[in-house]
Protein backbone atom coordinates (compact mmCIF):
# COMPACT_ATOMS: atom_id res chain seq x y z
CA UNK A 1 -25.44 2.46 -20.65
CA UNK A 2 -24.68 6.13 -20.11
CA UNK A 3 -21.61 7.40 -18.29
CA UNK A 4 -23.77 8.71 -15.42
CA UNK A 5 -25.41 5.30 -15.04
CA UNK A 6 -22.02 3.59 -14.91
CA UNK A 7 -20.79 6.03 -12.28
CA UNK A 8 -23.92 5.54 -10.14
CA UNK A 9 -23.62 1.76 -10.32
CA UNK A 10 -19.97 1.87 -9.28
CA UNK A 11 -20.80 4.21 -6.41
CA UNK A 12 -23.65 1.98 -5.25
CA UNK A 13 -21.25 -0.98 -5.00
CA UNK A 14 -18.45 0.99 -3.42
CA UNK A 15 -19.44 -0.10 0.07
CA UNK A 16 -16.30 1.03 1.86
CA UNK A 17 -16.52 4.81 1.45
CA UNK A 18 -13.94 5.45 4.20
CA UNK A 19 -11.30 3.10 2.80
CA UNK A 20 -8.18 5.24 2.41
CA UNK A 21 -5.49 3.59 0.28
CA UNK A 22 -2.96 6.22 1.29
CA UNK A 23 -2.68 4.21 4.51
CA UNK A 24 -0.88 1.49 2.57
CA UNK A 25 1.81 3.76 1.12
CA UNK A 26 2.22 5.64 4.40
CA UNK A 27 2.69 2.36 6.28
CA UNK A 28 5.33 1.22 3.78
CA UNK A 29 7.24 4.50 4.16
CA UNK A 30 6.98 4.18 7.94
CA UNK A 31 8.34 0.61 7.79
CA UNK A 32 11.33 1.59 5.63
CA UNK A 33 12.09 4.57 7.84
CA UNK A 34 11.99 2.39 10.94
CA UNK A 35 14.39 -0.13 9.38
CA UNK A 36 16.84 2.58 8.32
CA UNK A 37 16.64 4.26 11.72
CA UNK A 38 17.94 1.10 13.35
CA UNK A 39 20.61 0.16 10.81
CA UNK A 40 21.65 3.00 8.46
CA UNK A 41 24.78 4.73 9.77
CA UNK A 42 23.86 7.89 7.84
CA UNK A 43 20.49 8.27 9.55
CA UNK A 44 20.09 10.26 12.75
CA UNK A 45 18.30 8.11 15.33
CA UNK A 46 17.16 11.14 17.31
CA UNK A 47 15.76 12.99 14.29
CA UNK A 48 14.06 9.93 12.81
CA UNK A 49 12.47 8.84 16.07
CA UNK A 50 10.72 12.19 16.29
CA UNK A 51 9.51 11.94 12.68
CA UNK A 52 8.45 8.32 13.15
CA UNK A 53 6.25 9.39 16.05
CA UNK A 54 4.49 11.89 13.80
CA UNK A 55 4.14 9.30 11.03
CA UNK A 56 2.72 6.79 13.50
CA UNK A 57 0.13 9.27 14.69
CA UNK A 58 -0.93 9.90 11.09
CA UNK A 59 -1.28 6.26 10.05
CA UNK A 60 -3.10 5.24 13.23
CA UNK A 61 -5.63 8.03 12.73
CA UNK A 62 -6.34 6.73 9.21
CA UNK A 63 -6.56 3.13 10.45
CA UNK A 64 -9.27 4.10 12.94
CA UNK A 65 -7.18 3.00 15.90
CA UNK A 66 -9.09 2.75 19.21
CA UNK A 67 -9.67 6.37 20.13
CA UNK A 68 -9.84 5.39 23.81
CA UNK A 69 -6.17 4.43 23.65
CA UNK A 70 -3.71 7.29 23.25
CA UNK A 71 -1.49 6.89 20.19
CA UNK A 72 1.25 8.58 22.18
CA UNK A 73 1.02 5.89 24.86
CA UNK A 74 1.18 3.12 22.25
CA UNK A 75 4.11 4.74 20.48
CA UNK A 76 6.05 5.18 23.72
CA UNK A 77 5.43 1.52 24.57
CA UNK A 78 6.76 0.50 21.13
CA UNK A 79 9.80 2.77 21.51
CA UNK A 80 10.59 1.10 24.83
CA UNK A 81 10.72 -2.21 22.95
CA UNK A 82 13.07 -0.98 20.18
CA UNK A 83 16.34 -1.67 22.05
CA UNK A 84 15.19 -5.27 22.58
CA UNK A 85 14.09 -5.55 18.94
CA UNK A 86 17.41 -4.34 17.52
CA UNK A 87 19.26 -6.68 19.90
CA UNK A 88 17.24 -9.63 18.55
CA UNK A 89 17.80 -8.53 14.97
CA UNK A 90 21.55 -8.26 15.49
CA UNK A 91 21.47 -11.85 16.77
CA UNK A 92 19.44 -12.87 13.69
CA UNK A 93 22.00 -11.23 11.42
CA UNK A 94 24.88 -12.94 13.21
CA UNK A 95 23.10 -16.30 12.93
CA UNK A 96 22.86 -15.82 9.17
CA UNK A 97 26.54 -14.90 8.91
CA UNK A 98 27.58 -17.86 11.08
CA UNK A 99 25.56 -20.42 9.11
CA UNK A 100 25.56 -19.31 5.48
CA UNK A 101 28.86 -20.01 3.68
CA UNK A 102 27.83 -17.51 1.00
CA UNK A 103 27.71 -14.65 3.54
CA UNK A 104 31.08 -12.89 3.58
CA UNK A 105 30.41 -10.00 5.96
CA UNK A 106 27.78 -8.86 8.43
CA UNK A 107 27.24 -5.77 6.25
CA UNK A 108 26.20 -8.06 3.40
CA UNK A 109 23.52 -9.59 5.61
CA UNK A 110 22.01 -6.24 6.59
CA UNK A 111 22.14 -4.79 3.08
CA UNK A 112 21.45 -7.72 0.78
CA UNK A 113 19.61 -10.54 2.52
CA UNK A 114 15.84 -10.59 1.92
CA UNK A 115 15.45 -13.03 4.80
CA UNK A 116 16.90 -10.52 7.24
CA UNK A 117 14.62 -7.74 5.99
CA UNK A 118 11.57 -10.00 6.30
CA UNK A 119 12.54 -10.98 9.85
CA UNK A 120 13.08 -7.32 10.78
CA UNK A 121 9.67 -6.25 9.51
CA UNK A 122 8.09 -9.24 11.27
CA UNK A 123 9.65 -8.18 14.58
CA UNK A 124 8.32 -4.63 14.15
CA UNK A 125 4.85 -5.81 13.15
CA UNK A 126 4.65 -8.39 15.93
CA UNK A 127 4.89 -5.71 18.60
CA UNK A 128 1.94 -3.86 17.09
CA UNK A 129 0.03 -7.13 16.65
CA UNK A 130 0.34 -7.83 20.39
CA UNK A 131 -1.62 -4.68 21.21
CA UNK A 132 -4.43 -5.58 18.77
CA UNK A 133 -3.62 -2.71 16.48
CA UNK A 134 -5.80 -3.02 13.35
CA UNK A 135 -4.43 -3.27 9.80
CA UNK A 136 -0.97 -1.82 10.38
CA UNK A 137 0.88 -5.03 11.39
CA UNK A 138 -0.60 -6.98 8.47
CA UNK A 139 0.21 -4.25 5.97
CA UNK A 140 3.78 -4.13 7.26
CA UNK A 141 4.18 -7.89 6.83
CA UNK A 142 2.55 -7.81 3.39
CA UNK A 143 4.99 -5.09 2.36
CA UNK A 144 7.88 -7.37 3.28
CA UNK A 145 6.10 -10.24 1.54
CA UNK A 146 5.84 -8.25 -1.68
CA UNK A 147 9.52 -7.27 -1.60
CA UNK A 148 11.00 -10.61 -0.51
CA UNK A 149 8.49 -13.37 -1.31
CA UNK A 150 8.54 -14.31 2.40
CA UNK A 151 5.14 -14.35 4.13
CA UNK A 152 5.40 -14.15 7.93
CA UNK A 153 2.13 -13.43 9.70
CA UNK A 154 2.75 -10.83 12.45
CA UNK A 155 0.99 -13.08 14.95
CA UNK A 156 3.64 -15.80 14.78
CA UNK A 157 5.91 -16.17 17.82
CA UNK A 158 9.57 -16.40 16.82
CA UNK A 159 12.48 -16.73 19.22
CA UNK A 160 16.08 -15.57 18.98
CA UNK A 161 18.69 -16.26 16.29
CA UNK A 162 16.28 -16.99 13.44
CA UNK A 163 17.87 -17.81 10.08
CA UNK A 164 16.09 -17.64 6.72
CA UNK A 165 18.19 -18.57 3.70
CA UNK A 166 17.05 -17.57 0.19
CA UNK A 167 13.52 -17.33 1.54
CA UNK A 168 11.35 -17.09 -1.56
CA UNK A 169 8.02 -18.84 -1.02
CA UNK A 170 8.25 -19.27 2.75
CA UNK A 171 4.88 -19.12 4.55
CA UNK A 172 4.68 -18.87 8.35
CA UNK A 173 1.12 -18.84 9.71
CA UNK A 174 -0.38 -16.71 12.44
CA UNK A 175 -0.25 -19.20 15.33
CA UNK A 176 3.14 -20.70 14.48
CA UNK A 177 5.64 -20.93 17.33
CA UNK A 178 9.35 -21.00 16.42
CA UNK A 179 11.92 -21.30 19.19
CA UNK A 180 15.62 -20.36 19.17
CA UNK A 181 18.31 -21.13 16.57
CA UNK A 182 15.92 -22.34 13.88
CA UNK A 183 16.99 -22.37 10.22
CA UNK A 184 14.45 -22.34 7.37
CA UNK A 185 15.07 -22.51 3.64
CA UNK A 186 13.04 -21.43 0.61
CA UNK A 187 9.56 -22.76 -0.04
CA UNK A 188 8.89 -23.99 3.50
CA UNK A 189 5.27 -23.84 4.67
CA UNK A 190 4.32 -23.80 8.34
CA UNK A 191 0.59 -23.89 7.85
CA UNK A 192 -2.80 -25.15 8.97
CA UNK A 193 -4.23 -28.61 8.27
CA UNK A 194 -7.50 -27.02 7.21
CA UNK A 195 -8.82 -23.55 6.58
CA UNK A 196 -12.02 -22.84 8.49
CA UNK A 197 -13.23 -19.55 9.94
CA UNK A 198 -14.40 -21.22 13.15
CA UNK A 199 -10.74 -21.98 13.94
CA UNK A 200 -9.85 -18.29 14.06
CA UNK A 201 -9.05 -18.27 17.78
CA UNK A 202 -7.40 -21.70 17.90
CA UNK A 203 -3.80 -22.79 17.36
CA UNK A 204 -3.73 -23.88 13.73
CA UNK A 205 -0.03 -23.87 12.88
CA UNK A 206 2.97 -25.94 14.02
CA UNK A 207 5.49 -25.49 16.81
CA UNK A 208 9.19 -25.71 15.94
CA UNK A 209 11.52 -26.28 18.88
CA UNK A 210 15.16 -25.20 19.37
CA UNK A 211 17.95 -25.96 16.90
CA UNK A 212 15.75 -27.27 14.10
CA UNK A 213 16.71 -27.02 10.42
CA UNK A 214 13.95 -27.20 7.78
CA UNK A 215 15.13 -27.59 4.20
CA UNK A 216 13.56 -26.34 0.97
CA UNK A 217 9.89 -26.95 0.14
CA UNK A 218 9.08 -28.90 3.29
CA UNK A 219 5.42 -28.60 4.34
CA UNK A 220 4.56 -28.85 8.04
CA UNK A 221 0.89 -28.53 8.99
CA UNK A 222 -1.34 -28.47 12.04
CA UNK A 223 -1.62 -26.74 15.39
CA UNK A 224 -0.79 -29.90 17.33
CA UNK A 225 2.28 -30.71 15.21
CA UNK A 226 5.54 -30.21 17.09
CA UNK A 227 8.98 -30.55 15.52
CA UNK A 228 11.23 -31.69 18.35
CA UNK A 229 14.47 -29.88 19.15
CA UNK A 230 17.69 -30.70 17.30
CA UNK A 231 15.76 -32.23 14.40
CA UNK A 232 16.51 -31.89 10.69
CA UNK A 233 13.62 -31.85 8.22
CA UNK A 234 14.70 -32.65 4.67
CA UNK A 235 13.45 -31.03 1.50
CA UNK A 236 10.03 -31.78 -0.01
CA UNK A 237 8.66 -33.71 2.97
CA UNK A 238 5.01 -33.48 4.07
CA UNK A 239 4.45 -33.57 7.84
CA UNK A 240 1.13 -33.53 9.71
CA UNK A 241 2.17 -35.27 12.94
CA UNK A 242 4.70 -34.44 15.63
CA UNK A 243 8.35 -35.40 15.18
CA UNK A 244 10.39 -36.39 18.26
CA UNK A 245 13.55 -34.54 19.19
CA UNK A 246 16.83 -35.43 17.47
CA UNK A 247 15.00 -36.74 14.39
CA UNK A 248 16.05 -36.79 10.75
CA UNK A 249 13.12 -36.74 8.34
CA UNK A 250 13.70 -36.99 4.62
CA UNK A 251 11.99 -37.84 1.35
CA UNK A 252 13.35 -40.93 -0.37
CA UNK A 253 12.80 -40.71 -4.14
CA UNK A 254 12.48 -43.84 -6.23
CA UNK A 255 14.61 -44.05 -9.36
CA UNK A 256 13.76 -46.40 -12.20
CA UNK A 257 15.74 -46.86 -15.37
CA UNK A 258 13.94 -46.56 -18.66
CA UNK A 259 13.75 -49.89 -20.51
CA UNK A 260 16.22 -50.23 -23.34
CA UNK A 261 14.80 -50.00 -26.82
CA UNK A 262 14.56 -53.45 -28.35
């Protein structure tokens, strides 16, 4: 096959001619800049807010954002939410410091905890998700996923004082509801009982009430599954039904001794 034939075949199958991959890198830069604007003492809030507005206008134009909605209006609405977002994130950081014996200072949490970064990006992305902004919220959350191993869909609803420890392998689905003072450890899945496109607009993922702790590698599935407040879910359990409040759920392994050689 000639080079021209190969090129023509590739072009014929390239059915997204307007797909601009620069949107991905621009969104990642925007996300980092937003994080640093809120937390880096060496960054000018005033200067960065102005630049972030310009960056937002650029990425929304690439993402084919609804031209009937002014990007300036959307950006101003997001800016109005930033004081509330940083307040929530400061509470998240304090929750980590208060509950993790390995955390020595609040600075350590902001600078070195992947769970905190993933929560921060989720809180940014969630605000854009709520206004049905295409692509951008998911790319923001996937950026955090790539860096931290923590996959939080921007559609999830997460309350105050959220604590993720270690974090690698955590999956939190789109219709998950997490209330206040919830602690989650590595490998936890808050997922759907089944994957079917006709469930797109239905609640598919669990609800976790206040003051719940979920230990490593627990799997909790289903839109009707509710983990009652003040409950502790042990490691490696598999849950598909609701758990009443004040419960302790744990996996009980069976140990058998090997027979002695005769």
